[in-house]
Amino acid sequence: MRRLLGALLLAAALLPASPPPASAAGEVRLDGVTVRLEPGTRQVVTVNRTSGWHARVSFWGLRQGRWLLQFRAQDGRIGYNGLVRPRRRVQGTGKTPLGTHTLPFSFGTHRQRAGWDPSYRKIRRGDYWVLDNQSRFYNRYRNKSRGGFRWWLPASHA
C-alpha cells in the first residue's frame, strides 16, 4: 500500500513541474518544504505558508524516481495563529502542527478515481471531524449517523 504524507488536499488543477530527484537519504525538499520520507512513500502533500493563515497546497507523486507535481491549490489554510511544534500544540489555540505527518487516509468531494490510494473517502452529508473532547472519537473523521459524539454544540460551549 502506498503511504501518503502531508496535511490537507484541496481541489486543485493539474500543473506541469520540474521537480528535484527523489532523495535516497529519506528526505526531500518539495516546493520549499522539507519532507522526511518513510520507506515506501509514493505520495506527498506539502502545505507551504504564503502569508498570514494562507497556504499553497501541492500534491506530489513519485514516478520513476522523481517527484512530480500532480495538483496544486493556492487557497489552502493553516491555523490563524500560525505553526507550532506538534508536542506544543493545544486544541483551540488556532495553531497548526508543523512537520511531516502520516495521513491514514485522504478525503475530498470527488468520486475516487483510478490510481488514487484505496483509502480515499468521499465526503458525505453528516461527515464531521470530531471536536467533542468528551468523545472517544475525538479528532477523527466520522459520520454523525454512526453516533458517539455531540455533532452540534453552541458557540458558547467550552
Protein backbone atom coordinates (compact mmCIF):
# COMPACT_ATOMS: atom_id res chain seq x y z
CA MET A 1 0.00 0.00 0.00
CA ARG A 2 1.25 3.49 -0.80
CA ARG A 3 1.83 5.93 2.04
CA LEU A 4 0.51 9.47 1.90
CA LEU A 5 2.32 12.16 3.87
CA GLY A 6 1.19 15.72 4.38
CA ALA A 7 -1.63 17.76 5.73
CA LEU A 8 -4.61 18.61 3.56
CA LEU A 9 -5.51 18.02 -0.07
CA LEU A 10 -7.85 20.61 -1.61
CA ALA A 11 -9.48 20.62 -5.02
CA ALA A 12 -6.83 21.75 -7.47
CA ALA A 13 -5.76 21.86 -11.10
CA LEU A 14 -3.14 19.68 -12.82
CA LEU A 15 0.13 21.56 -13.27
CA PRO A 16 3.40 20.70 -15.05
CA ALA A 17 6.57 20.73 -12.96
CA SER A 18 10.34 20.20 -13.00
CA PRO A 19 10.83 18.54 -9.62
CA PRO A 20 14.04 17.60 -7.86
CA PRO A 21 15.05 13.92 -7.91
CA ALA A 22 13.89 11.66 -5.09
CA SER A 23 16.30 11.62 -2.16
CA ALA A 24 17.98 8.39 -1.09
CA ALA A 25 18.60 9.88 2.38
CA GLY A 26 14.92 9.71 3.37
CA GLU A 27 14.40 13.44 2.96
CA VAL A 28 13.31 15.57 0.01
CA ARG A 29 12.60 19.28 -0.46
CA LEU A 30 9.43 19.96 -2.45
CA ASP A 31 8.12 23.49 -3.05
CA GLY A 32 10.40 24.80 -0.31
CA VAL A 33 9.14 22.25 2.24
CA THR A 34 11.50 19.62 3.69
CA VAL A 35 9.70 16.27 3.95
CA ARG A 36 11.00 13.27 5.91
CA LEU A 37 10.15 10.19 3.86
CA GLU A 38 9.27 6.80 5.32
CA PRO A 39 10.20 3.70 3.31
CA GLY A 40 7.63 3.06 0.60
CA THR A 41 6.31 6.63 0.42
CA ARG A 42 4.97 7.32 -3.08
CA GLN A 43 2.69 10.33 -2.47
CA VAL A 44 3.28 13.56 -0.55
CA VAL A 45 1.12 16.60 0.19
CA THR A 46 3.02 19.79 1.04
CA VAL A 47 1.45 22.81 2.70
CA ASN A 48 3.58 25.94 2.33
CA ARG A 49 2.55 29.11 4.18
CA THR A 50 2.30 32.06 1.79
CA SER A 51 1.07 34.83 4.13
CA GLY A 52 -0.93 35.03 7.34
CA TRP A 53 -3.02 31.85 7.53
CA HIS A 54 -2.95 31.33 3.75
CA ALA A 55 -1.01 28.47 2.18
CA ARG A 56 -0.18 26.76 -1.10
CA VAL A 57 -1.13 23.06 -1.06
CA SER A 58 0.66 20.74 -3.51
CA PHE A 59 0.16 17.04 -4.20
CA TRP A 60 3.23 15.10 -5.37
CA GLY A 61 3.63 11.60 -6.81
CA LEU A 62 6.82 9.56 -7.13
CA ARG A 63 7.29 8.42 -10.75
CA GLN A 64 10.45 6.69 -11.98
CA GLY A 65 12.48 8.01 -9.04
CA ARG A 66 11.37 11.67 -9.42
CA TRP A 67 8.77 13.66 -7.51
CA LEU A 68 6.22 15.09 -9.94
CA LEU A 69 3.75 17.83 -9.06
CA GLN A 70 0.25 16.43 -9.69
CA PHE A 71 -2.10 19.11 -8.31
CA ARG A 72 -1.79 22.49 -6.64
CA ALA A 73 -4.19 24.83 -4.83
CA GLN A 74 -3.35 28.41 -3.89
CA ASP A 75 -6.25 28.74 -1.42
CA GLY A 76 -5.07 26.46 1.42
CA ARG A 77 -5.44 27.47 5.05
CA ILE A 78 -3.38 26.86 8.18
CA GLY A 79 -4.12 27.87 11.77
CA TYR A 80 -4.96 31.56 12.18
CA ASN A 81 -2.23 31.76 14.87
CA GLY A 82 0.43 30.12 12.72
CA LEU A 83 2.51 26.97 13.12
CA VAL A 84 3.81 25.21 16.23
CA ARG A 85 5.81 22.06 17.01
CA PRO A 86 3.34 19.16 17.41
CA ARG A 87 4.08 18.48 21.09
CA ARG A 88 3.42 22.14 21.94
CA ARG A 89 0.08 22.32 20.10
CA VAL A 90 -3.04 22.79 22.23
CA GLN A 91 -6.60 22.34 20.91
CA GLY A 92 -8.40 25.63 20.35
CA THR A 93 -5.30 27.82 20.04
CA GLY A 94 -5.67 28.28 16.27
CA LYS A 95 -2.25 26.75 15.59
CA THR A 96 -1.35 24.06 13.04
CA PRO A 97 1.21 21.38 13.94
CA LEU A 98 4.46 21.80 11.98
CA GLY A 99 6.29 18.84 10.49
CA THR A 100 5.84 15.67 8.48
CA HIS A 101 2.75 13.66 9.37
CA THR A 102 1.38 10.38 8.03
CA LEU A 103 -2.20 10.60 6.81
CA PRO A 104 -4.10 7.36 7.45
CA PHE A 105 -6.46 8.21 4.58
CA SER A 106 -7.39 11.05 2.27
CA PHE A 107 -10.80 12.58 1.61
CA GLY A 108 -12.47 15.04 -0.70
CA THR A 109 -15.59 15.98 -2.63
CA HIS A 110 -14.85 13.97 -5.80
CA ARG A 111 -15.54 10.35 -6.63
CA GLN A 112 -12.49 8.13 -6.16
CA ARG A 113 -10.52 8.00 -9.39
CA ALA A 114 -8.39 5.23 -10.84
CA GLY A 115 -4.87 5.32 -9.39
CA TRP A 116 -5.90 7.05 -6.15
CA ASP A 117 -4.95 5.41 -2.89
CA PRO A 118 -7.66 2.86 -1.91
CA SER A 119 -8.12 4.56 1.48
CA TYR A 120 -9.70 7.66 -0.15
CA ARG A 121 -13.11 8.63 1.28
CA LYS A 122 -15.68 10.80 -0.47
CA ILE A 123 -17.20 13.36 1.90
CA ARG A 124 -20.90 12.70 2.55
CA ARG A 125 -23.69 14.63 4.22
CA GLY A 126 -23.24 14.33 8.00
CA ASP A 127 -19.45 13.86 7.94
CA TYR A 128 -17.57 15.71 10.66
CA TRP A 129 -14.11 15.94 12.14
CA VAL A 130 -15.00 15.18 15.77
CA LEU A 131 -14.08 18.11 18.03
CA ASP A 132 -16.06 16.82 21.01
CA ASN A 133 -13.36 16.42 23.70
CA GLN A 134 -15.59 14.03 25.64
CA SER A 135 -15.96 11.59 22.75
CA ARG A 136 -13.77 8.51 22.27
CA PHE A 137 -13.80 9.54 18.58
CA TYR A 138 -12.19 12.93 19.29
CA ASN A 139 -10.05 14.22 16.41
CA ARG A 140 -11.37 11.58 13.99
CA TYR A 141 -13.36 11.76 10.76
CA ARG A 142 -16.81 10.28 11.44
CA ASN A 143 -20.38 10.46 10.17
CA LYS A 144 -22.97 11.66 12.70
CA SER A 145 -25.24 8.72 11.73
CA ARG A 146 -22.73 6.43 13.49
CA GLY A 147 -23.09 8.39 16.74
CA GLY A 148 -20.58 8.56 19.55
CA PHE A 149 -20.12 12.33 19.63
CA ARG A 150 -22.02 15.57 20.02
CA TRP A 151 -22.04 16.87 16.48
CA TRP A 152 -23.60 20.20 17.38
CA LEU A 153 -22.58 22.39 20.28
CA PRO A 154 -23.41 26.06 20.79
CA ALA A 155 -20.59 28.55 20.19
CA SER A 156 -20.67 29.35 23.92
CA HIS A 157 -19.75 25.75 24.85
CA ALA A 158 -16.22 25.42 26.25
